[in-house]
Amino acid sequence: MIRDTGLSAKLWRIAIWAATAVFILNLFGMIAAVVTNSFATRWLGTWLPLGYTTRWYVAAWNEFQLDDVLIVTFQVVFTVVLVSGLLGVLAAYALARRDFPGKRAIMLVFLLPLLVPPITYGIPMATVLYRAGLAGTFWGVVLANLVPTIPFVVLVMIPFIEQIDPRIEAAARVFGASTFKLLVRVLLPILLPGMLAAMLLVLVRTIAMFELTFLTAGPTSQTLVVALYYAVFAAGVRAGQSIDAMAVIYMVVTLVWLVIALRFVNPTQIVARAKQEPAH
């Protein structure tokens, strides 16, 4: 019986590792195919391309006007990061420090945009923005992306704020600190690691946000992920290599910011880190 149990556990581990290996190989195989095709002069019916060139990147940059698209992308992303960081931290502080009727209902409202698929509330939200004349504009895209990012910042920051000893704030009040000075000189230095973690993750999330941006973006407010979608599905004939080159540019931009984010924080340990670093 013991042998059977040990054999079953061993087979189960082997099956898990085999499934993981297949997934990783499949993922890297698809990425390698896209990257290789973006440099290929011609690749039909052979294991490797007949030659390699970088002209598809130049063609994609000019054809899809990627300089303008990247400028708009970073403008939208950094605006969303700043606004969601400011509003999210203030809301998180109020929820962490105050008990009031309806607090659980408000927390549920904050959870909904993170739990519900964006397309389900994105369509009615886009309808409202179109009626208000904001859809198709820069600020319309920003407002749409704030819907899931502000709750995300709130949920990340609440554990950090709850670990701060309220006596620190009380002591600052005793020595005459105003609310502004309390926030800037006392709480901000303590909360800075959590704020940095939340804002970096919001940055990566906003770059990759397709549904809400697609529903509210106009010709001059498209981010990189929406421009990539139009490059693939819009009418007209385009070289597959130039589309793959654009996809590689998108992957590199997202990967760079993701690496920077993971350099500062492990998303799976945000709450644990806050609990391990109580205020002194």
C-alpha atoms as a PDB file:
ATOM      1  CA  MET A   1       0.000   0.000   0.000  1.00  0.00           C
ATOM      2  CA  ILE A   2       2.864   2.346   0.878  1.00  0.00           C
ATOM      3  CA  ARG A   3       4.623   1.496  -2.386  1.00  0.00           C
ATOM      4  CA  ASP A   4       1.462   2.236  -4.357  1.00  0.00           C
ATOM      5  CA  THR A   5       1.106   5.600  -2.615  1.00  0.00           C
ATOM      6  CA  GLY A   6       4.737   6.499  -3.286  1.00  0.00           C
ATOM      7  CA  LEU A   7       4.452   5.409  -6.909  1.00  0.00           C
ATOM      8  CA  SER A   8       1.253   7.440  -7.379  1.00  0.00           C
ATOM      9  CA  ALA A   9       2.879  10.549  -5.896  1.00  0.00           C
ATOM     10  CA  LYS A  10       5.911  10.092  -8.155  1.00  0.00           C
ATOM     11  CA  LEU A  11       3.761   9.656 -11.245  1.00  0.00           C
ATOM     12  CA  TRP A  12       1.739  12.711 -10.268  1.00  0.00           C
ATOM     13  CA  ARG A  13       4.903  14.827  -9.954  1.00  0.00           C
ATOM     14  CA  ILE A  14       6.122  13.561 -13.316  1.00  0.00           C
ATOM     15  CA  ALA A  15       2.776  14.431 -14.924  1.00  0.00           C
ATOM     16  CA  ILE A  16       2.841  17.956 -13.449  1.00  0.00           C
ATOM     17  CA  TRP A  17       6.410  18.600 -14.613  1.00  0.00           C
ATOM     18  CA  ALA A  18       5.607  17.176 -18.055  1.00  0.00           C
ATOM     19  CA  ALA A  19       2.538  19.410 -18.418  1.00  0.00           C
ATOM     20  CA  THR A  20       4.569  22.428 -17.252  1.00  0.00           C
ATOM     21  CA  ALA A  21       7.344  21.625 -19.738  1.00  0.00           C
ATOM     22  CA  VAL A  22       4.854  21.288 -22.591  1.00  0.00           C
ATOM     23  CA  PHE A  23       3.261  24.619 -21.699  1.00  0.00           C
ATOM     24  CA  ILE A  24       6.621  26.431 -21.495  1.00  0.00           C
ATOM     25  CA  LEU A  25       7.887  24.899 -24.735  1.00  0.00           C
ATOM     26  CA  ASN A  26       4.661  25.801 -26.511  1.00  0.00           C
ATOM     27  CA  LEU A  27       4.805  29.375 -25.198  1.00  0.00           C
ATOM     28  CA  PHE A  28       8.423  29.921 -26.132  1.00  0.00           C
ATOM     29  CA  GLY A  29       7.843  28.211 -29.481  1.00  0.00           C
ATOM     30  CA  MET A  30       5.101  30.688 -30.407  1.00  0.00           C
ATOM     31  CA  ILE A  31       7.186  33.659 -29.278  1.00  0.00           C
ATOM     32  CA  ALA A  32      10.223  32.363 -31.168  1.00  0.00           C
ATOM     33  CA  ALA A  33       8.126  31.919 -34.314  1.00  0.00           C
ATOM     34  CA  VAL A  34       6.875  35.509 -34.164  1.00  0.00           C
ATOM     35  CA  VAL A  35      10.339  36.932 -33.461  1.00  0.00           C
ATOM     36  CA  THR A  36      11.943  34.861 -36.216  1.00  0.00           C
ATOM     37  CA  ASN A  37       9.294  35.820 -38.766  1.00  0.00           C
ATOM     38  CA  SER A  38       9.746  39.502 -37.903  1.00  0.00           C
ATOM     39  CA  PHE A  39      13.348  39.230 -39.168  1.00  0.00           C
ATOM     40  CA  ALA A  40      12.650  36.843 -42.081  1.00  0.00           C
ATOM     41  CA  THR A  41      12.972  37.886 -45.696  1.00  0.00           C
ATOM     42  CA  ARG A  42      10.841  34.921 -46.753  1.00  0.00           C
ATOM     43  CA  TRP A  43       9.653  31.938 -44.701  1.00  0.00           C
ATOM     44  CA  LEU A  44       7.428  29.435 -46.465  1.00  0.00           C
ATOM     45  CA  GLY A  45       7.613  25.660 -46.180  1.00  0.00           C
ATOM     46  CA  THR A  46      11.077  25.537 -44.574  1.00  0.00           C
ATOM     47  CA  TRP A  47      12.318  25.051 -41.022  1.00  0.00           C
ATOM     48  CA  LEU A  48      14.155  28.382 -41.063  1.00  0.00           C
ATOM     49  CA  PRO A  49      13.764  31.556 -43.146  1.00  0.00           C
ATOM     50  CA  LEU A  50      15.723  31.949 -46.378  1.00  0.00           C
ATOM     51  CA  GLY A  51      17.317  35.125 -45.029  1.00  0.00           C
ATOM     52  CA  TYR A  52      17.114  37.758 -42.321  1.00  0.00           C
ATOM     53  CA  THR A  53      16.544  41.503 -42.406  1.00  0.00           C
ATOM     54  CA  THR A  54      15.520  44.373 -40.131  1.00  0.00           C
ATOM     55  CA  ARG A  55      13.579  46.259 -42.789  1.00  0.00           C
ATOM     56  CA  TRP A  56      10.242  44.971 -41.460  1.00  0.00           C
ATOM     57  CA  TYR A  57      10.756  46.957 -38.268  1.00  0.00           C
ATOM     58  CA  VAL A  58      11.364  50.107 -40.291  1.00  0.00           C
ATOM     59  CA  ALA A  59       8.302  49.323 -42.409  1.00  0.00           C
ATOM     60  CA  ALA A  60       6.124  48.685 -39.346  1.00  0.00           C
ATOM     61  CA  TRP A  61       7.370  51.861 -37.661  1.00  0.00           C
ATOM     62  CA  ASN A  62       6.492  53.980 -40.702  1.00  0.00           C
ATOM     63  CA  GLU A  63       3.324  52.169 -41.796  1.00  0.00           C
ATOM     64  CA  PHE A  64       1.675  52.107 -38.364  1.00  0.00           C
ATOM     65  CA  GLN A  65       3.118  55.479 -37.223  1.00  0.00           C
ATOM     66  CA  LEU A  66       4.507  53.876 -34.098  1.00  0.00           C
ATOM     67  CA  ASP A  67       6.235  57.035 -32.921  1.00  0.00           C
ATOM     68  CA  ASP A  68       2.834  58.741 -32.452  1.00  0.00           C
ATOM     69  CA  VAL A  69       1.295  55.550 -31.047  1.00  0.00           C
ATOM     70  CA  LEU A  70       4.057  55.130 -28.459  1.00  0.00           C
ATOM     71  CA  ILE A  71       3.775  58.773 -27.393  1.00  0.00           C
ATOM     72  CA  VAL A  72       0.015  58.389 -26.887  1.00  0.00           C
ATOM     73  CA  THR A  73       0.554  55.067 -25.081  1.00  0.00           C
ATOM     74  CA  PHE A  74       2.970  56.548 -22.569  1.00  0.00           C
ATOM     75  CA  GLN A  75       0.822  59.665 -22.093  1.00  0.00           C
ATOM     76  CA  VAL A  76      -2.214  57.521 -21.298  1.00  0.00           C
ATOM     77  CA  VAL A  77      -0.277  55.098 -19.101  1.00  0.00           C
ATOM     78  CA  PHE A  78       1.476  57.713 -16.976  1.00  0.00           C
ATOM     79  CA  THR A  79      -1.690  59.784 -16.587  1.00  0.00           C
ATOM     80  CA  VAL A  80      -3.581  56.701 -15.404  1.00  0.00           C
ATOM     81  CA  VAL A  81      -0.742  55.798 -13.020  1.00  0.00           C
ATOM     82  CA  LEU A  82      -0.625  59.269 -11.452  1.00  0.00           C
ATOM     83  CA  VAL A  83      -4.392  59.733 -11.108  1.00  0.00           C
ATOM     84  CA  SER A  84      -5.083  56.208  -9.873  1.00  0.00           C
ATOM     85  CA  GLY A  85      -2.146  56.445  -7.475  1.00  0.00           C
ATOM     86  CA  LEU A  86      -3.381  59.698  -5.947  1.00  0.00           C
ATOM     87  CA  LEU A  87      -7.067  58.750  -5.697  1.00  0.00           C
ATOM     88  CA  GLY A  88      -6.390  55.117  -4.818  1.00  0.00           C
ATOM     89  CA  VAL A  89      -4.040  55.883  -1.928  1.00  0.00           C
ATOM     90  CA  LEU A  90      -6.426  58.453  -0.437  1.00  0.00           C
ATOM     91  CA  ALA A  91      -9.375  56.059  -0.757  1.00  0.00           C
ATOM     92  CA  ALA A  92      -7.335  53.210   0.717  1.00  0.00           C
ATOM     93  CA  TYR A  93      -6.353  55.360   3.686  1.00  0.00           C
ATOM     94  CA  ALA A  94      -9.986  56.272   4.375  1.00  0.00           C
ATOM     95  CA  LEU A  95     -11.097  52.643   4.138  1.00  0.00           C
ATOM     96  CA  ALA A  96      -8.235  51.377   6.288  1.00  0.00           C
ATOM     97  CA  ARG A  97      -8.636  53.948   9.045  1.00  0.00           C
ATOM     98  CA  ARG A  98     -12.392  54.492   9.227  1.00  0.00           C
ATOM     99  CA  ASP A  99     -15.342  52.229  10.048  1.00  0.00           C
ATOM    100  CA  PHE A 100     -18.685  53.441   8.753  1.00  0.00           C
ATOM    101  CA  PRO A 101     -22.010  51.999   7.591  1.00  0.00           C
ATOM    102  CA  GLY A 102     -21.801  50.528   4.113  1.00  0.00           C
ATOM    103  CA  LYS A 103     -18.045  49.951   4.196  1.00  0.00           C
ATOM    104  CA  ARG A 104     -18.395  46.340   3.059  1.00  0.00           C
ATOM    105  CA  ALA A 105     -20.662  47.394   0.214  1.00  0.00           C
ATOM    106  CA  ILE A 106     -18.069  49.919  -0.926  1.00  0.00           C
ATOM    107  CA  MET A 107     -15.358  47.254  -0.788  1.00  0.00           C
ATOM    108  CA  LEU A 108     -17.554  45.020  -2.930  1.00  0.00           C
ATOM    109  CA  VAL A 109     -17.933  47.828  -5.467  1.00  0.00           C
ATOM    110  CA  PHE A 110     -14.144  48.153  -5.593  1.00  0.00           C
ATOM    111  CA  LEU A 111     -13.806  44.410  -6.163  1.00  0.00           C
ATOM    112  CA  LEU A 112     -16.288  44.188  -9.030  1.00  0.00           C
ATOM    113  CA  PRO A 113     -14.114  45.795 -11.761  1.00  0.00           C
ATOM    114  CA  LEU A 114     -11.335  43.368 -10.864  1.00  0.00           C
ATOM    115  CA  LEU A 115     -13.516  40.257 -10.793  1.00  0.00           C
ATOM    116  CA  VAL A 116     -15.840  40.983 -13.710  1.00  0.00           C
ATOM    117  CA  PRO A 117     -14.451  40.700 -17.275  1.00  0.00           C
ATOM    118  CA  PRO A 118     -13.791  44.229 -18.607  1.00  0.00           C
ATOM    119  CA  ILE A 119     -15.938  43.734 -21.696  1.00  0.00           C
ATOM    120  CA  THR A 120     -19.082  43.233 -19.566  1.00  0.00           C
ATOM    121  CA  TYR A 121     -18.974  46.730 -18.096  1.00  0.00           C
ATOM    122  CA  GLY A 122     -16.839  48.250 -20.853  1.00  0.00           C
ATOM    123  CA  ILE A 123     -19.663  48.382 -23.410  1.00  0.00           C
ATOM    124  CA  PRO A 124     -22.179  50.312 -21.240  1.00  0.00           C
ATOM    125  CA  MET A 125     -19.356  52.536 -19.961  1.00  0.00           C
ATOM    126  CA  ALA A 126     -18.265  53.308 -23.523  1.00  0.00           C
ATOM    127  CA  THR A 127     -21.883  54.142 -24.390  1.00  0.00           C
ATOM    128  CA  VAL A 128     -21.999  56.668 -21.551  1.00  0.00           C
ATOM    129  CA  LEU A 129     -18.671  58.175 -22.620  1.00  0.00           C
ATOM    130  CA  TYR A 130     -19.869  58.500 -26.228  1.00  0.00           C
ATOM    131  CA  ARG A 131     -23.005  60.287 -25.097  1.00  0.00           C
ATOM    132  CA  ALA A 132     -20.885  62.602 -22.955  1.00  0.00           C
ATOM    133  CA  GLY A 133     -18.595  63.321 -25.892  1.00  0.00           C
ATOM    134  CA  LEU A 134     -15.523  61.875 -24.173  1.00  0.00           C
ATOM    135  CA  ALA A 135     -15.140  58.608 -26.084  1.00  0.00           C
ATOM    136  CA  GLY A 136     -12.555  58.783 -28.828  1.00  0.00           C
ATOM    137  CA  THR A 137     -10.510  61.322 -26.871  1.00  0.00           C
ATOM    138  CA  PHE A 138      -7.417  61.058 -24.708  1.00  0.00           C
ATOM    139  CA  TRP A 139      -9.348  61.705 -21.496  1.00  0.00           C
ATOM    140  CA  GLY A 140     -12.002  59.186 -22.448  1.00  0.00           C
ATOM    141  CA  VAL A 141      -9.342  56.474 -22.650  1.00  0.00           C
ATOM    142  CA  VAL A 142      -7.882  57.629 -19.328  1.00  0.00           C
ATOM    143  CA  LEU A 143     -11.271  57.587 -17.584  1.00  0.00           C
ATOM    144  CA  ALA A 144     -12.022  54.098 -18.909  1.00  0.00           C
ATOM    145  CA  ASN A 145      -8.720  52.739 -17.616  1.00  0.00           C
ATOM    146  CA  LEU A 146      -9.218  54.344 -14.210  1.00  0.00           C
ATOM    147  CA  VAL A 147     -12.228  52.113 -13.551  1.00  0.00           C
ATOM    148  CA  PRO A 148     -10.161  48.949 -12.853  1.00  0.00           C
ATOM    149  CA  THR A 149      -6.903  50.628 -11.794  1.00  0.00           C
ATOM    150  CA  ILE A 150      -8.179  52.722  -8.870  1.00  0.00           C
ATOM    151  CA  PRO A 151      -9.737  49.655  -7.147  1.00  0.00           C
ATOM    152  CA  PHE A 152      -6.504  47.778  -7.814  1.00  0.00           C
ATOM    153  CA  VAL A 153      -4.467  50.470  -6.040  1.00  0.00           C
ATOM    154  CA  VAL A 154      -6.968  50.540  -3.164  1.00  0.00           C
ATOM    155  CA  LEU A 155      -6.787  46.797  -2.571  1.00  0.00           C
ATOM    156  CA  VAL A 156      -2.979  46.775  -2.761  1.00  0.00           C
ATOM    157  CA  MET A 157      -2.520  49.749  -0.435  1.00  0.00           C
ATOM    158  CA  ILE A 158      -4.991  48.834   2.330  1.00  0.00           C
ATOM    159  CA  PRO A 159      -2.691  46.116   3.845  1.00  0.00           C
ATOM    160  CA  PHE A 160       0.247  48.534   3.833  1.00  0.00           C
ATOM    161  CA  ILE A 161      -1.768  51.243   5.576  1.00  0.00           C
ATOM    162  CA  GLU A 162      -3.221  48.847   8.158  1.00  0.00           C
ATOM    163  CA  GLN A 163       0.299  47.890   9.255  1.00  0.00           C
ATOM    164  CA  ILE A 164       1.127  51.474  10.245  1.00  0.00           C
ATOM    165  CA  ASP A 165       0.680  52.005  13.964  1.00  0.00           C
ATOM    166  CA  PRO A 166      -2.033  54.651  14.476  1.00  0.00           C
ATOM    167  CA  ARG A 167       0.004  55.969  17.410  1.00  0.00           C
ATOM    168  CA  ILE A 168       2.519  57.368  14.914  1.00  0.00           C
ATOM    169  CA  GLU A 169      -0.204  59.536  13.409  1.00  0.00           C
ATOM    170  CA  ALA A 170      -1.490  60.479  16.857  1.00  0.00           C
ATOM    171  CA  ALA A 171       2.002  61.548  17.913  1.00  0.00           C
ATOM    172  CA  ALA A 172       2.356  63.693  14.801  1.00  0.00           C
ATOM    173  CA  ARG A 173      -0.978  65.323  15.598  1.00  0.00           C
ATOM    174  CA  VAL A 174       0.146  66.027  19.166  1.00  0.00           C
ATOM    175  CA  PHE A 175       3.210  67.864  17.852  1.00  0.00           C
ATOM    176  CA  GLY A 176       1.016  70.049  15.674  1.00  0.00           C
ATOM    177  CA  ALA A 177       1.202  68.352  12.267  1.00  0.00           C
ATOM    178  CA  SER A 178      -1.595  69.330   9.921  1.00  0.00           C
ATOM    179  CA  THR A 179      -3.323  66.747   7.724  1.00  0.00           C
ATOM    180  CA  PHE A 180      -1.180  67.741   4.744  1.00  0.00           C
ATOM    181  CA  LYS A 181       2.069  67.522   6.721  1.00  0.00           C
ATOM    182  CA  LEU A 182       0.963  64.216   8.228  1.00  0.00           C
ATOM    183  CA  LEU A 183       0.423  62.770   4.762  1.00  0.00           C
ATOM    184  CA  VAL A 184       3.565  64.185   3.166  1.00  0.00           C
ATOM    185  CA  ARG A 185       6.147  63.962   5.973  1.00  0.00           C
ATOM    186  CA  VAL A 186       4.961  60.976   8.006  1.00  0.00           C
ATOM    187  CA  LEU A 187       2.832  58.599   5.943  1.00  0.00           C
ATOM    188  CA  LEU A 188       4.349  59.107   2.485  1.00  0.00           C
ATOM    189  CA  PRO A 189       7.860  57.835   3.378  1.00  0.00           C
ATOM    190  CA  ILE A 190       6.362  54.779   5.086  1.00  0.00           C
ATOM    191  CA  LEU A 191       3.922  54.027   2.262  1.00  0.00           C
ATOM    192  CA  LEU A 192       6.357  54.705  -0.567  1.00  0.00           C
ATOM    193  CA  PRO A 193       7.325  51.017  -1.172  1.00  0.00           C
ATOM    194  CA  GLY A 194       3.682  50.008  -1.381  1.00  0.00           C
ATOM    195  CA  MET A 195       2.806  52.966  -3.608  1.00  0.00           C
ATOM    196  CA  LEU A 196       5.697  52.173  -5.927  1.00  0.00           C
ATOM    197  CA  ALA A 197       4.613  48.541  -6.152  1.00  0.00           C
ATOM    198  CA  ALA A 198       0.995  49.436  -6.903  1.00  0.00           C
ATOM    199  CA  MET A 199       1.854  52.085  -9.484  1.00  0.00           C
ATOM    200  CA  LEU A 200       4.322  49.884 -11.358  1.00  0.00           C
ATOM    201  CA  LEU A 201       1.766  47.088 -11.561  1.00  0.00           C
ATOM    202  CA  VAL A 202      -0.876  49.577 -12.721  1.00  0.00           C
ATOM    203  CA  LEU A 203       1.539  50.736 -15.421  1.00  0.00           C
ATOM    204  CA  VAL A 204       1.998  47.211 -16.773  1.00  0.00           C
ATOM    205  CA  ARG A 205      -1.736  46.522 -16.509  1.00  0.00           C
ATOM    206  CA  THR A 206      -2.650  49.685 -18.421  1.00  0.00           C
ATOM    207  CA  ILE A 207      -0.211  48.993 -21.262  1.00  0.00           C
ATOM    208  CA  ALA A 208      -1.818  45.571 -21.708  1.00  0.00           C
ATOM    209  CA  MET A 209      -5.432  46.739 -21.257  1.00  0.00           C
ATOM    210  CA  PHE A 210      -7.130  46.080 -24.597  1.00  0.00           C
ATOM    211  CA  GLU A 211     -10.888  45.885 -24.095  1.00  0.00           C
ATOM    212  CA  LEU A 212     -11.551  49.224 -22.380  1.00  0.00           C
ATOM    213  CA  THR A 213      -9.037  51.098 -24.525  1.00  0.00           C
ATOM    214  CA  PHE A 214     -10.391  49.564 -27.730  1.00  0.00           C
ATOM    215  CA  LEU A 215     -13.964  50.548 -26.858  1.00  0.00           C
ATOM    216  CA  THR A 216     -13.117  54.170 -26.052  1.00  0.00           C
ATOM    217  CA  ALA A 217     -10.087  55.027 -28.226  1.00  0.00           C
ATOM    218  CA  GLY A 218     -10.267  57.209 -31.323  1.00  0.00           C
ATOM    219  CA  PRO A 219      -7.868  57.656 -34.262  1.00  0.00           C
ATOM    220  CA  THR A 220      -5.592  59.934 -32.208  1.00  0.00           C
ATOM    221  CA  SER A 221      -5.922  58.139 -28.853  1.00  0.00           C
ATOM    222  CA  GLN A 222      -4.962  54.563 -29.707  1.00  0.00           C
ATOM    223  CA  THR A 223      -2.464  52.805 -27.486  1.00  0.00           C
ATOM    224  CA  LEU A 224       0.010  50.265 -28.807  1.00  0.00           C
ATOM    225  CA  VAL A 225      -2.125  47.201 -28.101  1.00  0.00           C
ATOM    226  CA  VAL A 226      -5.118  48.699 -29.971  1.00  0.00           C
ATOM    227  CA  ALA A 227      -2.927  49.746 -32.895  1.00  0.00           C
ATOM    228  CA  LEU A 228      -1.631  46.177 -33.069  1.00  0.00           C
ATOM    229  CA  TYR A 229      -5.198  44.858 -33.217  1.00  0.00           C
ATOM    230  CA  TYR A 230      -6.080  47.199 -36.084  1.00  0.00           C
ATOM    231  CA  ALA A 231      -2.890  46.217 -37.893  1.00  0.00           C
ATOM    232  CA  VAL A 232      -3.995  42.592 -37.837  1.00  0.00           C
ATOM    233  CA  PHE A 233      -7.725  42.905 -38.535  1.00  0.00           C
ATOM    234  CA  ALA A 234      -8.207  46.193 -40.400  1.00  0.00           C
ATOM    235  CA  ALA A 235      -9.006  46.109 -44.107  1.00  0.00           C
ATOM    236  CA  GLY A 236      -6.083  45.986 -46.524  1.00  0.00           C
ATOM    237  CA  VAL A 237      -3.130  43.757 -47.288  1.00  0.00           C
ATOM    238  CA  ARG A 238      -0.151  43.906 -44.947  1.00  0.00           C
ATOM    239  CA  ALA A 239       3.003  41.855 -44.805  1.00  0.00           C
ATOM    240  CA  GLY A 240       2.898  39.319 -42.028  1.00  0.00           C
ATOM    241  CA  GLN A 241       6.492  40.151 -41.133  1.00  0.00           C
ATOM    242  CA  SER A 242       5.677  43.808 -40.451  1.00  0.00           C
ATOM    243  CA  ILE A 243       2.767  42.816 -38.200  1.00  0.00           C
ATOM    244  CA  ASP A 244       5.033  40.404 -36.335  1.00  0.00           C
ATOM    245  CA  ALA A 245       7.624  43.183 -36.020  1.00  0.00           C
ATOM    246  CA  MET A 246       4.967  45.384 -34.428  1.00  0.00           C
ATOM    247  CA  ALA A 247       4.017  42.530 -32.108  1.00  0.00           C
ATOM    248  CA  VAL A 248       7.650  42.165 -31.055  1.00  0.00           C
ATOM    249  CA  ILE A 249       7.846  45.895 -30.320  1.00  0.00           C
ATOM    250  CA  TYR A 250       4.732  45.567 -28.151  1.00  0.00           C
ATOM    251  CA  MET A 251       6.176  42.543 -26.334  1.00  0.00           C
ATOM    252  CA  VAL A 252       9.465  44.328 -25.689  1.00  0.00           C
ATOM    253  CA  VAL A 253       7.764  47.465 -24.335  1.00  0.00           C
ATOM    254  CA  THR A 254       5.557  45.428 -22.006  1.00  0.00           C
ATOM    255  CA  LEU A 255       8.395  43.135 -20.958  1.00  0.00           C
ATOM    256  CA  VAL A 256      10.689  46.039 -20.078  1.00  0.00           C
ATOM    257  CA  TRP A 257       8.121  47.574 -17.747  1.00  0.00           C
ATOM    258  CA  LEU A 258       7.234  44.170 -16.292  1.00  0.00           C
ATOM    259  CA  VAL A 259      10.882  43.476 -15.488  1.00  0.00           C
ATOM    260  CA  ILE A 260      11.170  46.899 -13.843  1.00  0.00           C
ATOM    261  CA  ALA A 261       8.038  46.203 -11.805  1.00  0.00           C
ATOM    262  CA  LEU A 262       9.243  42.779 -10.674  1.00  0.00           C
ATOM    263  CA  ARG A 263      12.589  44.332  -9.785  1.00  0.00           C
ATOM    264  CA  PHE A 264      10.839  46.235  -7.006  1.00  0.00           C
ATOM    265  CA  VAL A 265       8.012  43.930  -5.972  1.00  0.00           C
ATOM    266  CA  ASN A 266       6.772  40.362  -6.102  1.00  0.00           C
ATOM    267  CA  PRO A 267       2.988  40.652  -6.671  1.00  0.00           C
ATOM    268  CA  THR A 268       2.287  37.402  -4.796  1.00  0.00           C
ATOM    269  CA  GLN A 269       4.013  38.708  -1.676  1.00  0.00           C
ATOM    270  CA  ILE A 270       2.675  42.263  -1.461  1.00  0.00           C
ATOM    271  CA  VAL A 271       0.426  41.555   1.532  1.00  0.00           C
ATOM    272  CA  ALA A 272       2.972  39.280   3.204  1.00  0.00           C
ATOM    273  CA  ARG A 273       5.697  41.903   2.867  1.00  0.00           C
ATOM    274  CA  ALA A 274       3.482  44.526   4.413  1.00  0.00           C
ATOM    275  CA  LYS A 275       2.767  42.245   7.369  1.00  0.00           C
ATOM    276  CA  GLN A 276       6.448  41.477   7.837  1.00  0.00           C
ATOM    277  CA  GLU A 277       7.382  45.177   7.976  1.00  0.00           C
ATOM    278  CA  PRO A 278       5.253  46.721  10.740  1.00  0.00           C
ATOM    279  CA  ALA A 279       5.812  50.330  11.579  1.00  0.00           C
ATOM    280  CA  HIS A 280       8.102  51.009  14.544  1.00  0.00           C
END
